[in-house]
Amino acid sequence: MIIPRLYAILDASALADSDKLIENAMEFAAAGVRLLQYRNKPGNARQMLEHARNLKRALGDSVRLIMNDRADLCVAAGLDGVHLGQDDLSVPDARRVVGDELWVGLSTHNVEQVAAADQTSADYIAIGPVFATSSKANPDPVIGIAGVRAAKRLTGKPLVAIGGITRANCAAVMGAGADSVAVISDLIRDPRKSVEEFLRILG
C-alpha cells in the first residue's frame, strides 16, 4: 500500500467553527492534500457526524478521509477509514465495524507498541510524538528521530510520523524512515501555502 507523504490532520478544536473546518479542508485539497484526518477530541457524536458528512460532501473522492477514534461514525459518514489510539477499539474490533476495504490506522508511542501493531491488520502505523507537541493535553514521551528509525526497523507497514512536525524538520523525519508525516499545527496558518511548501520539501 502507498501512503501520501503528507497526512494532514484537521483538528476541529483548533478552528473557530464548522465553516472554517470546511474552508481549511478545501484549501488543503486544492493545494494537493490526498489524505486527511478529521479529529475532534472534545466533540459529541452528533457534531462529529455532521462535520464528517459535510467534509465528505465538500471533498468527494478527491481526498481519502479518515475519522479519528470513532469507527462507527466513520461508517455512518461514509468516510474512507478510521485512525485508532491505544485506548480506542482494538484493530480487530474496528475491522468488525468498518470491514476489510476501509483503512485502519493505529497510533503507537514506543517500539513495543509498534511491534504489536505490526501483527495486526492495520493498514498503517503512526509513531510519535517525534517532537514536543501542543495538540495533546497529556502527550506521551517524545521519541525523537531515533525513535522513528527504530520503529521503521520493526515493521513493513507504512509508517506515519506525528508530533511537532514542521516544514523545518519534516525532511529529517522522512530521512529517518517515515513514509509519511502527519501535521496539525504547521498547516493552520495559511493552509494552502503551508501544504504547498510541505509538498515541495517532501518531494
N, C-alpha and C. Protein backbone atom coordinates (compact mmCIF):
# COMPACT_ATOMS: atom_id res chain seq x y z
N MET A 1 0.84 -1.20 0.00
CA MET A 1 0.00 0.00 0.00
C MET A 1 0.88 1.25 0.00
N ILE A 2 0.49 2.23 -0.80
CA ILE A 2 1.21 3.51 -0.88
C ILE A 2 0.44 4.55 -0.08
N ILE A 3 1.15 5.26 0.79
CA ILE A 3 0.51 6.30 1.59
C ILE A 3 1.09 7.65 1.17
N PRO A 4 0.25 8.68 1.03
CA PRO A 4 0.77 10.01 0.68
C PRO A 4 1.81 10.48 1.70
N ARG A 5 2.80 11.23 1.21
CA ARG A 5 3.89 11.67 2.08
C ARG A 5 3.44 12.73 3.10
N LEU A 6 2.36 13.43 2.79
CA LEU A 6 1.79 14.39 3.75
C LEU A 6 0.42 13.90 4.18
N TYR A 7 0.24 13.77 5.50
CA TYR A 7 -1.03 13.33 6.09
C TYR A 7 -1.53 14.53 6.91
N ALA A 8 -2.46 15.26 6.34
CA ALA A 8 -2.97 16.46 7.01
C ALA A 8 -4.02 16.06 8.06
N ILE A 9 -3.94 16.68 9.22
CA ILE A 9 -4.93 16.44 10.27
C ILE A 9 -5.68 17.73 10.55
N LEU A 10 -6.98 17.64 10.40
CA LEU A 10 -7.86 18.78 10.61
C LEU A 10 -8.46 18.66 12.01
N ASP A 11 -7.97 19.49 12.91
CA ASP A 11 -8.37 19.43 14.31
C ASP A 11 -9.46 20.47 14.57
N ALA A 12 -10.69 19.99 14.75
CA ALA A 12 -11.83 20.90 14.91
C ALA A 12 -11.66 21.84 16.10
N SER A 13 -11.00 21.37 17.15
CA SER A 13 -10.85 22.19 18.35
C SER A 13 -9.89 23.35 18.14
N ALA A 14 -9.11 23.32 17.06
CA ALA A 14 -8.17 24.40 16.78
C ALA A 14 -8.74 25.43 15.81
N LEU A 15 -9.98 25.18 15.36
CA LEU A 15 -10.59 26.07 14.37
C LEU A 15 -11.83 26.74 14.96
N ALA A 16 -12.16 27.88 14.41
CA ALA A 16 -13.21 28.72 15.01
C ALA A 16 -14.59 28.08 14.93
N ASP A 17 -14.94 27.49 13.79
CA ASP A 17 -16.30 26.97 13.61
C ASP A 17 -16.35 25.98 12.45
N SER A 18 -17.55 25.48 12.17
CA SER A 18 -17.72 24.49 11.11
C SER A 18 -17.35 25.03 9.74
N ASP A 19 -17.65 26.31 9.50
CA ASP A 19 -17.31 26.92 8.21
C ASP A 19 -15.80 26.91 8.00
N LYS A 20 -15.06 27.22 9.06
CA LYS A 20 -13.60 27.25 8.96
C LYS A 20 -13.05 25.84 8.71
N LEU A 21 -13.70 24.84 9.29
CA LEU A 21 -13.32 23.46 9.09
C LEU A 21 -13.38 23.09 7.60
N ILE A 22 -14.50 23.40 6.99
CA ILE A 22 -14.69 23.10 5.57
C ILE A 22 -13.74 23.94 4.71
N GLU A 23 -13.61 25.21 5.07
CA GLU A 23 -12.74 26.11 4.32
C GLU A 23 -11.29 25.59 4.30
N ASN A 24 -10.79 25.20 5.48
CA ASN A 24 -9.43 24.67 5.55
C ASN A 24 -9.29 23.39 4.75
N ALA A 25 -10.29 22.51 4.87
CA ALA A 25 -10.25 21.25 4.13
C ALA A 25 -10.18 21.49 2.62
N MET A 26 -10.95 22.45 2.15
CA MET A 26 -10.95 22.78 0.72
C MET A 26 -9.60 23.35 0.29
N GLU A 27 -9.02 24.18 1.14
CA GLU A 27 -7.68 24.74 0.87
C GLU A 27 -6.64 23.62 0.80
N PHE A 28 -6.72 22.70 1.75
CA PHE A 28 -5.81 21.56 1.76
C PHE A 28 -5.90 20.79 0.44
N ALA A 29 -7.12 20.46 0.06
CA ALA A 29 -7.34 19.66 -1.15
C ALA A 29 -6.84 20.40 -2.39
N ALA A 30 -7.12 21.69 -2.47
CA ALA A 30 -6.70 22.48 -3.63
C ALA A 30 -5.18 22.54 -3.74
N ALA A 31 -4.50 22.47 -2.59
CA ALA A 31 -3.04 22.55 -2.59
C ALA A 31 -2.37 21.19 -2.81
N GLY A 32 -3.16 20.11 -2.78
CA GLY A 32 -2.59 18.80 -3.09
C GLY A 32 -2.69 17.75 -2.01
N VAL A 33 -3.36 18.03 -0.90
CA VAL A 33 -3.55 17.01 0.14
C VAL A 33 -4.44 15.88 -0.40
N ARG A 34 -4.00 14.65 -0.19
CA ARG A 34 -4.80 13.50 -0.64
C ARG A 34 -5.18 12.57 0.50
N LEU A 35 -4.69 12.87 1.72
CA LEU A 35 -5.02 12.07 2.90
C LEU A 35 -5.27 13.04 4.05
N LEU A 36 -6.49 12.99 4.59
CA LEU A 36 -6.90 13.98 5.59
C LEU A 36 -7.65 13.28 6.72
N GLN A 37 -7.24 13.57 7.94
CA GLN A 37 -7.92 13.02 9.10
C GLN A 37 -8.74 14.10 9.79
N TYR A 38 -9.99 13.77 10.09
CA TYR A 38 -10.85 14.66 10.87
C TYR A 38 -10.73 14.26 12.34
N ARG A 39 -10.34 15.23 13.17
CA ARG A 39 -10.08 14.97 14.59
C ARG A 39 -10.88 15.96 15.42
N ASN A 40 -11.61 15.45 16.40
CA ASN A 40 -12.43 16.33 17.24
C ASN A 40 -12.56 15.69 18.62
N LYS A 41 -11.50 15.80 19.41
CA LYS A 41 -11.46 15.13 20.71
C LYS A 41 -12.59 15.55 21.64
N PRO A 42 -12.92 16.86 21.76
CA PRO A 42 -13.99 17.25 22.69
C PRO A 42 -15.39 17.17 22.11
N GLY A 43 -15.52 16.87 20.81
CA GLY A 43 -16.82 16.92 20.16
C GLY A 43 -17.75 15.79 20.58
N ASN A 44 -19.05 16.04 20.46
CA ASN A 44 -20.01 14.96 20.71
C ASN A 44 -20.31 14.25 19.39
N ALA A 45 -20.91 13.08 19.49
CA ALA A 45 -21.11 12.23 18.32
C ALA A 45 -21.94 12.91 17.24
N ARG A 46 -22.96 13.65 17.63
CA ARG A 46 -23.82 14.31 16.64
C ARG A 46 -23.04 15.35 15.84
N GLN A 47 -22.25 16.15 16.56
CA GLN A 47 -21.45 17.19 15.89
C GLN A 47 -20.40 16.56 14.98
N MET A 48 -19.76 15.51 15.48
CA MET A 48 -18.72 14.85 14.69
C MET A 48 -19.29 14.24 13.41
N LEU A 49 -20.45 13.64 13.52
CA LEU A 49 -21.08 13.04 12.35
C LEU A 49 -21.45 14.11 11.33
N GLU A 50 -21.98 15.23 11.81
CA GLU A 50 -22.34 16.33 10.92
C GLU A 50 -21.10 16.88 10.21
N HIS A 51 -20.04 17.13 10.98
CA HIS A 51 -18.79 17.62 10.38
C HIS A 51 -18.27 16.64 9.34
N ALA A 52 -18.24 15.36 9.69
CA ALA A 52 -17.69 14.35 8.79
C ALA A 52 -18.48 14.27 7.49
N ARG A 53 -19.79 14.31 7.60
CA ARG A 53 -20.64 14.26 6.39
C ARG A 53 -20.43 15.50 5.52
N ASN A 54 -20.29 16.66 6.18
CA ASN A 54 -20.05 17.90 5.43
C ASN A 54 -18.70 17.87 4.72
N LEU A 55 -17.70 17.30 5.39
CA LEU A 55 -16.39 17.19 4.77
C LEU A 55 -16.44 16.26 3.55
N LYS A 56 -17.13 15.14 3.71
CA LYS A 56 -17.24 14.18 2.61
C LYS A 56 -17.98 14.81 1.43
N ARG A 57 -19.03 15.56 1.74
CA ARG A 57 -19.81 16.22 0.70
C ARG A 57 -18.94 17.26 -0.04
N ALA A 58 -18.14 17.99 0.71
CA ALA A 58 -17.33 19.06 0.12
C ALA A 58 -16.16 18.52 -0.69
N LEU A 59 -15.56 17.42 -0.23
CA LEU A 59 -14.34 16.92 -0.85
C LEU A 59 -14.57 15.78 -1.84
N GLY A 60 -15.71 15.11 -1.71
CA GLY A 60 -15.98 13.99 -2.61
C GLY A 60 -14.92 12.91 -2.50
N ASP A 61 -14.48 12.41 -3.66
CA ASP A 61 -13.48 11.35 -3.67
C ASP A 61 -12.07 11.88 -3.94
N SER A 62 -11.90 13.20 -3.91
CA SER A 62 -10.59 13.78 -4.22
C SER A 62 -9.59 13.55 -3.10
N VAL A 63 -10.09 13.31 -1.89
CA VAL A 63 -9.24 13.13 -0.71
C VAL A 63 -9.70 11.90 0.06
N ARG A 64 -8.75 11.10 0.54
CA ARG A 64 -9.10 9.98 1.41
C ARG A 64 -9.32 10.53 2.81
N LEU A 65 -10.54 10.40 3.31
CA LEU A 65 -10.93 10.98 4.60
C LEU A 65 -10.93 9.93 5.70
N ILE A 66 -10.21 10.24 6.77
CA ILE A 66 -10.08 9.31 7.89
C ILE A 66 -10.72 9.93 9.13
N MET A 67 -11.51 9.14 9.85
CA MET A 67 -12.14 9.58 11.10
C MET A 67 -11.25 9.21 12.27
N ASN A 68 -10.96 10.15 13.13
CA ASN A 68 -10.18 9.85 14.33
C ASN A 68 -11.05 9.15 15.36
N ASP A 69 -10.57 8.05 15.89
CA ASP A 69 -11.15 7.33 17.03
C ASP A 69 -12.41 6.52 16.76
N ARG A 70 -13.37 7.08 16.03
CA ARG A 70 -14.72 6.52 16.01
C ARG A 70 -15.02 5.72 14.74
N ALA A 71 -14.89 4.40 14.84
CA ALA A 71 -15.18 3.52 13.71
C ALA A 71 -16.64 3.60 13.30
N ASP A 72 -17.54 3.73 14.28
CA ASP A 72 -18.96 3.79 13.96
C ASP A 72 -19.31 5.03 13.15
N LEU A 73 -18.73 6.18 13.52
CA LEU A 73 -19.01 7.42 12.80
C LEU A 73 -18.34 7.43 11.43
N CYS A 74 -17.22 6.76 11.32
CA CYS A 74 -16.55 6.61 10.02
C CYS A 74 -17.51 5.96 9.02
N VAL A 75 -18.15 4.88 9.44
CA VAL A 75 -19.08 4.16 8.57
C VAL A 75 -20.33 5.00 8.31
N ALA A 76 -20.87 5.60 9.36
CA ALA A 76 -22.11 6.38 9.23
C ALA A 76 -21.93 7.57 8.28
N ALA A 77 -20.74 8.15 8.28
CA ALA A 77 -20.49 9.33 7.43
C ALA A 77 -19.96 8.97 6.05
N GLY A 78 -19.69 7.69 5.83
CA GLY A 78 -19.19 7.26 4.54
C GLY A 78 -17.75 7.65 4.29
N LEU A 79 -16.95 7.72 5.35
CA LEU A 79 -15.54 8.08 5.19
C LEU A 79 -14.72 6.86 4.76
N ASP A 80 -13.42 7.08 4.60
CA ASP A 80 -12.57 6.07 3.96
C ASP A 80 -11.73 5.25 4.94
N GLY A 81 -11.84 5.58 6.23
CA GLY A 81 -11.07 4.82 7.21
C GLY A 81 -11.16 5.44 8.59
N VAL A 82 -10.54 4.74 9.55
CA VAL A 82 -10.55 5.21 10.94
C VAL A 82 -9.13 5.13 11.48
N HIS A 83 -8.79 6.10 12.33
CA HIS A 83 -7.49 6.09 12.99
C HIS A 83 -7.71 5.85 14.48
N LEU A 84 -7.05 4.83 15.01
CA LEU A 84 -7.26 4.40 16.39
C LEU A 84 -6.09 4.80 17.28
N GLY A 85 -6.42 5.16 18.52
CA GLY A 85 -5.40 5.35 19.54
C GLY A 85 -5.25 4.07 20.35
N GLN A 86 -4.28 4.06 21.24
CA GLN A 86 -4.04 2.88 22.07
C GLN A 86 -5.21 2.57 23.00
N ASP A 87 -6.02 3.57 23.33
CA ASP A 87 -7.15 3.36 24.25
C ASP A 87 -8.49 3.25 23.53
N ASP A 88 -8.47 3.21 22.20
CA ASP A 88 -9.71 3.07 21.43
C ASP A 88 -9.99 1.58 21.18
N LEU A 89 -10.90 1.31 20.26
CA LEU A 89 -11.16 -0.07 19.85
C LEU A 89 -9.87 -0.74 19.41
N SER A 90 -9.79 -2.03 19.59
CA SER A 90 -8.65 -2.76 19.03
C SER A 90 -8.81 -2.81 17.51
N VAL A 91 -7.74 -3.12 16.81
CA VAL A 91 -7.82 -3.22 15.35
C VAL A 91 -8.82 -4.29 14.91
N PRO A 92 -8.82 -5.50 15.50
CA PRO A 92 -9.83 -6.49 15.10
C PRO A 92 -11.27 -6.01 15.34
N ASP A 93 -11.49 -5.33 16.46
CA ASP A 93 -12.85 -4.83 16.74
C ASP A 93 -13.24 -3.74 15.74
N ALA A 94 -12.29 -2.88 15.40
CA ALA A 94 -12.58 -1.84 14.41
C ALA A 94 -12.87 -2.47 13.05
N ARG A 95 -12.14 -3.52 12.70
CA ARG A 95 -12.38 -4.21 11.43
C ARG A 95 -13.81 -4.77 11.37
N ARG A 96 -14.31 -5.23 12.51
CA ARG A 96 -15.68 -5.75 12.54
C ARG A 96 -16.69 -4.66 12.23
N VAL A 97 -16.32 -3.43 12.52
CA VAL A 97 -17.22 -2.29 12.26
C VAL A 97 -17.05 -1.76 10.84
N VAL A 98 -15.79 -1.55 10.42
CA VAL A 98 -15.55 -0.88 9.13
C VAL A 98 -15.33 -1.84 7.97
N GLY A 99 -15.08 -3.12 8.27
CA GLY A 99 -14.84 -4.08 7.21
C GLY A 99 -13.39 -4.09 6.75
N ASP A 100 -13.14 -4.82 5.67
CA ASP A 100 -11.76 -5.01 5.20
C ASP A 100 -11.33 -3.98 4.16
N GLU A 101 -12.29 -3.26 3.58
CA GLU A 101 -11.95 -2.34 2.49
C GLU A 101 -11.46 -0.99 3.00
N LEU A 102 -12.01 -0.52 4.11
CA LEU A 102 -11.62 0.79 4.63
C LEU A 102 -10.27 0.70 5.35
N TRP A 103 -9.57 1.82 5.38
CA TRP A 103 -8.28 1.86 6.07
C TRP A 103 -8.46 1.89 7.57
N VAL A 104 -7.57 1.21 8.26
CA VAL A 104 -7.47 1.31 9.72
C VAL A 104 -6.02 1.67 10.06
N GLY A 105 -5.85 2.79 10.76
CA GLY A 105 -4.53 3.20 11.21
C GLY A 105 -4.46 3.10 12.72
N LEU A 106 -3.25 2.93 13.25
CA LEU A 106 -3.10 2.76 14.69
C LEU A 106 -1.94 3.60 15.21
N SER A 107 -2.19 4.38 16.26
CA SER A 107 -1.13 5.17 16.90
C SER A 107 -0.30 4.30 17.83
N THR A 108 1.01 4.51 17.79
CA THR A 108 1.92 3.84 18.73
C THR A 108 2.88 4.89 19.29
N HIS A 109 3.47 4.56 20.44
CA HIS A 109 4.32 5.55 21.11
C HIS A 109 5.67 4.97 21.54
N ASN A 110 5.89 3.69 21.27
CA ASN A 110 7.18 3.08 21.61
C ASN A 110 7.36 1.82 20.77
N VAL A 111 8.56 1.23 20.84
CA VAL A 111 8.85 0.10 19.95
C VAL A 111 8.00 -1.13 20.28
N GLU A 112 7.64 -1.30 21.53
CA GLU A 112 6.80 -2.45 21.90
C GLU A 112 5.43 -2.35 21.22
N GLN A 113 4.87 -1.15 21.23
CA GLN A 113 3.57 -0.95 20.58
C GLN A 113 3.67 -1.09 19.06
N VAL A 114 4.77 -0.64 18.50
CA VAL A 114 4.97 -0.80 17.05
C VAL A 114 5.02 -2.28 16.68
N ALA A 115 5.78 -3.06 17.45
CA ALA A 115 5.89 -4.49 17.18
C ALA A 115 4.53 -5.17 17.29
N ALA A 116 3.74 -4.78 18.28
CA ALA A 116 2.39 -5.36 18.43
C ALA A 116 1.49 -4.94 17.28
N ALA A 117 1.56 -3.67 16.88
CA ALA A 117 0.73 -3.17 15.78
C ALA A 117 1.05 -3.86 14.47
N ASP A 118 2.32 -4.23 14.30
CA ASP A 118 2.74 -4.88 13.07
C ASP A 118 2.07 -6.25 12.89
N GLN A 119 1.63 -6.84 13.99
CA GLN A 119 0.98 -8.16 13.93
C GLN A 119 -0.51 -8.06 13.65
N THR A 120 -1.04 -6.86 13.57
CA THR A 120 -2.47 -6.66 13.32
C THR A 120 -2.73 -6.43 11.83
N SER A 121 -3.99 -6.24 11.49
CA SER A 121 -4.35 -5.94 10.09
C SER A 121 -4.39 -4.44 9.83
N ALA A 122 -3.80 -3.64 10.72
CA ALA A 122 -3.74 -2.18 10.49
C ALA A 122 -3.08 -1.91 9.15
N ASP A 123 -3.60 -0.93 8.43
CA ASP A 123 -3.04 -0.58 7.11
C ASP A 123 -1.78 0.26 7.25
N TYR A 124 -1.72 1.07 8.29
CA TYR A 124 -0.51 1.86 8.55
C TYR A 124 -0.35 2.03 10.06
N ILE A 125 0.86 2.35 10.46
CA ILE A 125 1.17 2.57 11.88
C ILE A 125 1.69 3.98 12.04
N ALA A 126 1.14 4.71 13.00
CA ALA A 126 1.65 6.04 13.34
C ALA A 126 2.55 5.93 14.56
N ILE A 127 3.65 6.68 14.55
CA ILE A 127 4.59 6.66 15.67
C ILE A 127 4.86 8.10 16.12
N GLY A 128 4.84 8.31 17.43
CA GLY A 128 5.10 9.66 17.94
C GLY A 128 4.74 9.77 19.41
N PRO A 129 4.89 10.95 19.99
CA PRO A 129 5.31 12.18 19.31
C PRO A 129 6.82 12.19 19.01
N VAL A 130 7.15 12.58 17.76
CA VAL A 130 8.55 12.66 17.38
C VAL A 130 9.22 13.84 18.10
N PHE A 131 8.51 14.97 18.13
CA PHE A 131 8.98 16.16 18.82
C PHE A 131 7.90 16.61 19.80
N ALA A 132 8.21 17.59 20.62
CA ALA A 132 7.22 18.13 21.55
C ALA A 132 6.03 18.66 20.77
N THR A 133 4.83 18.41 21.29
CA THR A 133 3.61 18.81 20.58
C THR A 133 2.64 19.50 21.52
N SER A 134 1.87 20.42 20.96
CA SER A 134 0.87 21.14 21.76
C SER A 134 -0.54 20.65 21.47
N SER A 135 -0.67 19.64 20.61
CA SER A 135 -2.01 19.21 20.20
C SER A 135 -2.64 18.20 21.14
N LYS A 136 -1.88 17.74 22.14
CA LYS A 136 -2.42 16.81 23.13
C LYS A 136 -2.21 17.35 24.53
N ALA A 137 -3.21 17.16 25.37
CA ALA A 137 -3.12 17.67 26.75
C ALA A 137 -2.05 16.92 27.54
N ASN A 138 -2.00 15.60 27.38
CA ASN A 138 -1.02 14.79 28.11
C ASN A 138 -0.27 13.89 27.14
N PRO A 139 0.66 14.48 26.38
CA PRO A 139 1.34 13.69 25.36
C PRO A 139 2.25 12.62 25.94
N ASP A 140 2.47 11.57 25.16
CA ASP A 140 3.44 10.53 25.53
C ASP A 140 4.85 11.11 25.41
N PRO A 141 5.85 10.42 25.97
CA PRO A 141 7.22 10.91 25.89
C PRO A 141 7.69 11.05 24.43
N VAL A 142 8.45 12.10 24.17
CA VAL A 142 9.00 12.36 22.84
C VAL A 142 9.97 11.23 22.48
N ILE A 143 9.88 10.76 21.23
CA ILE A 143 10.74 9.64 20.79
C ILE A 143 11.91 10.11 19.94
N GLY A 144 11.81 11.30 19.35
CA GLY A 144 12.89 11.83 18.53
C GLY A 144 13.07 11.09 17.22
N ILE A 145 14.03 11.57 16.45
CA ILE A 145 14.36 10.96 15.16
C ILE A 145 14.78 9.50 15.34
N ALA A 146 15.52 9.23 16.42
CA ALA A 146 15.98 7.85 16.68
C ALA A 146 14.80 6.91 16.87
N GLY A 147 13.72 7.41 17.46
CA GLY A 147 12.53 6.59 17.66
C GLY A 147 11.86 6.21 16.35
N VAL A 148 11.87 7.14 15.39
CA VAL A 148 11.32 6.84 14.06
C VAL A 148 12.16 5.76 13.40
N ARG A 149 13.46 5.90 13.49
CA ARG A 149 14.37 4.93 12.89
C ARG A 149 14.17 3.54 13.48
N ALA A 150 14.01 3.50 14.81
CA ALA A 150 13.81 2.21 15.49
C ALA A 150 12.48 1.59 15.10
N ALA A 151 11.44 2.42 14.98
CA ALA A 151 10.12 1.92 14.59
C ALA A 151 10.15 1.33 13.18
N LYS A 152 10.86 1.98 12.28
CA LYS A 152 10.91 1.54 10.88
C LYS A 152 11.52 0.15 10.77
N ARG A 153 12.45 -0.15 11.65
CA ARG A 153 13.10 -1.47 11.61
C ARG A 153 12.16 -2.60 12.01
N LEU A 154 11.04 -2.24 12.66
CA LEU A 154 10.15 -3.25 13.23
C LEU A 154 8.92 -3.56 12.38
N THR A 155 8.73 -2.82 11.31
CA THR A 155 7.50 -3.04 10.53
C THR A 155 7.72 -2.82 9.05
N GLY A 156 6.98 -3.57 8.27
CA GLY A 156 6.96 -3.36 6.83
C GLY A 156 5.75 -2.55 6.41
N LYS A 157 4.91 -2.22 7.36
CA LYS A 157 3.73 -1.40 7.07
C LYS A 157 4.15 0.06 6.88
N PRO A 158 3.37 0.85 6.15
CA PRO A 158 3.67 2.28 6.05
C PRO A 158 3.73 2.91 7.44
N LEU A 159 4.76 3.73 7.64
CA LEU A 159 4.98 4.36 8.95
C LEU A 159 4.73 5.86 8.84
N VAL A 160 3.80 6.33 9.67
CA VAL A 160 3.44 7.75 9.70
C VAL A 160 4.03 8.36 10.98
N ALA A 161 4.88 9.36 10.81
CA ALA A 161 5.45 10.05 11.97
C ALA A 161 4.55 11.23 12.34
N ILE A 162 4.36 11.43 13.64
CA ILE A 162 3.47 12.50 14.10
C ILE A 162 4.03 13.13 15.37
N GLY A 163 3.69 14.39 15.56
CA GLY A 163 4.06 15.07 16.80
C GLY A 163 5.11 16.14 16.59
N GLY A 164 4.69 17.40 16.54
CA GLY A 164 5.62 18.51 16.44
C GLY A 164 6.34 18.61 15.10
N ILE A 165 5.76 18.02 14.06
CA ILE A 165 6.43 18.03 12.75
C ILE A 165 6.09 19.31 12.00
N THR A 166 7.14 19.94 11.48
CA THR A 166 7.01 21.23 10.79
C THR A 166 7.76 21.17 9.47
N ARG A 167 7.65 22.26 8.72
CA ARG A 167 8.41 22.36 7.48
C ARG A 167 9.92 22.33 7.75
N ALA A 168 10.30 22.78 8.93
CA ALA A 168 11.73 22.85 9.26
C ALA A 168 12.34 21.48 9.57
N ASN A 169 11.52 20.54 10.04
CA ASN A 169 12.10 19.25 10.45
C ASN A 169 11.57 18.04 9.69
N CYS A 170 10.62 18.24 8.78
CA CYS A 170 9.99 17.07 8.14
C CYS A 170 10.95 16.28 7.26
N ALA A 171 11.91 16.94 6.63
CA ALA A 171 12.85 16.22 5.77
C ALA A 171 13.69 15.25 6.60
N ALA A 172 14.10 15.68 7.79
CA ALA A 172 14.89 14.81 8.67
C ALA A 172 14.07 13.60 9.12
N VAL A 173 12.78 13.82 9.37
CA VAL A 173 11.90 12.73 9.80
C VAL A 173 11.74 11.70 8.67
N MET A 174 11.55 12.19 7.47
CA MET A 174 11.44 11.27 6.33
C MET A 174 12.77 10.54 6.12
N GLY A 175 13.86 11.23 6.33
CA GLY A 175 15.18 10.62 6.18
C GLY A 175 15.42 9.51 7.17
N ALA A 176 14.71 9.55 8.30
CA ALA A 176 14.85 8.51 9.33
C ALA A 176 14.01 7.27 9.02
N GLY A 177 13.22 7.34 7.94
CA GLY A 177 12.48 6.16 7.52
C GLY A 177 10.97 6.29 7.49
N ALA A 178 10.43 7.44 7.91
CA ALA A 178 8.97 7.62 7.84
C ALA A 178 8.51 7.61 6.39
N ASP A 179 7.35 7.03 6.16
CA ASP A 179 6.76 7.04 4.81
C ASP A 179 5.87 8.26 4.62
N SER A 180 5.44 8.83 5.75
CA SER A 180 4.52 9.96 5.71
C SER A 180 4.68 10.76 7.00
N VAL A 181 4.36 12.06 6.93
CA VAL A 181 4.35 12.87 8.15
C VAL A 181 2.94 13.42 8.36
N ALA A 182 2.45 13.27 9.58
CA ALA A 182 1.14 13.80 9.95
C ALA A 182 1.35 15.17 10.60
N VAL A 183 0.58 16.15 10.14
CA VAL A 183 0.80 17.52 10.58
C VAL A 183 -0.52 18.18 10.96
N ILE A 184 -0.51 18.87 12.10
CA ILE A 184 -1.68 19.63 12.54
C ILE A 184 -1.34 21.12 12.56
N SER A 185 -0.53 21.52 13.54
CA SER A 185 -0.31 22.94 13.84
C SER A 185 0.32 23.72 12.69
N ASP A 186 1.28 23.12 11.99
CA ASP A 186 2.01 23.86 10.96
C ASP A 186 1.23 23.99 9.65
N LEU A 187 -0.03 23.56 9.67
CA LEU A 187 -0.89 23.74 8.49
C LEU A 187 -2.01 24.75 8.74
N ILE A 188 -2.16 25.19 9.97
CA ILE A 188 -3.32 26.02 10.32
C ILE A 188 -3.24 27.41 9.72
N ARG A 189 -2.09 28.03 9.84
CA ARG A 189 -1.95 29.39 9.29
C ARG A 189 -1.65 29.30 7.80
N ASP A 190 -2.48 29.96 7.01
CA ASP A 190 -2.33 29.97 5.55
C ASP A 190 -2.24 28.54 5.01
N PRO A 191 -3.34 27.78 5.12
CA PRO A 191 -3.33 26.34 4.80
C PRO A 191 -2.79 25.99 3.42
N ARG A 192 -3.22 26.74 2.40
CA ARG A 192 -2.80 26.38 1.04
C ARG A 192 -1.29 26.54 0.88
N LYS A 193 -0.78 27.66 1.30
CA LYS A 193 0.67 27.93 1.18
C LYS A 193 1.46 26.92 2.00
N SER A 194 0.97 26.60 3.20
CA SER A 194 1.68 25.65 4.07
C SER A 194 1.76 24.27 3.41
N VAL A 195 0.65 23.80 2.88
CA VAL A 195 0.62 22.50 2.21
C VAL A 195 1.57 22.49 1.02
N GLU A 196 1.51 23.54 0.20
CA GLU A 196 2.37 23.61 -0.98
C GLU A 196 3.84 23.54 -0.59
N GLU A 197 4.20 24.22 0.51
CA GLU A 197 5.60 24.20 0.96
C GLU A 197 5.99 22.83 1.49
N PHE A 198 5.10 22.19 2.25
CA PHE A 198 5.38 20.82 2.71
C PHE A 198 5.61 19.89 1.53
N LEU A 199 4.73 19.94 0.56
CA LEU A 199 4.82 19.03 -0.59
C LEU A 199 6.09 19.28 -1.39
N ARG A 200 6.50 20.52 -1.46
CA ARG A 200 7.75 20.85 -2.17
C ARG A 200 8.94 20.24 -1.42
N ILE A 201 8.94 20.34 -0.10
CA ILE A 201 10.04 19.78 0.71
C ILE A 201 10.05 18.26 0.65
N LEU A 202 8.84 17.68 0.76
CA LEU A 202 8.73 16.21 0.82
C LEU A 202 8.99 15.55 -0.53
N GLY A 203 8.84 16.31 -1.60
CA GLY A 203 9.13 15.79 -2.94
C GLY A 203 8.09 14.85 -3.50
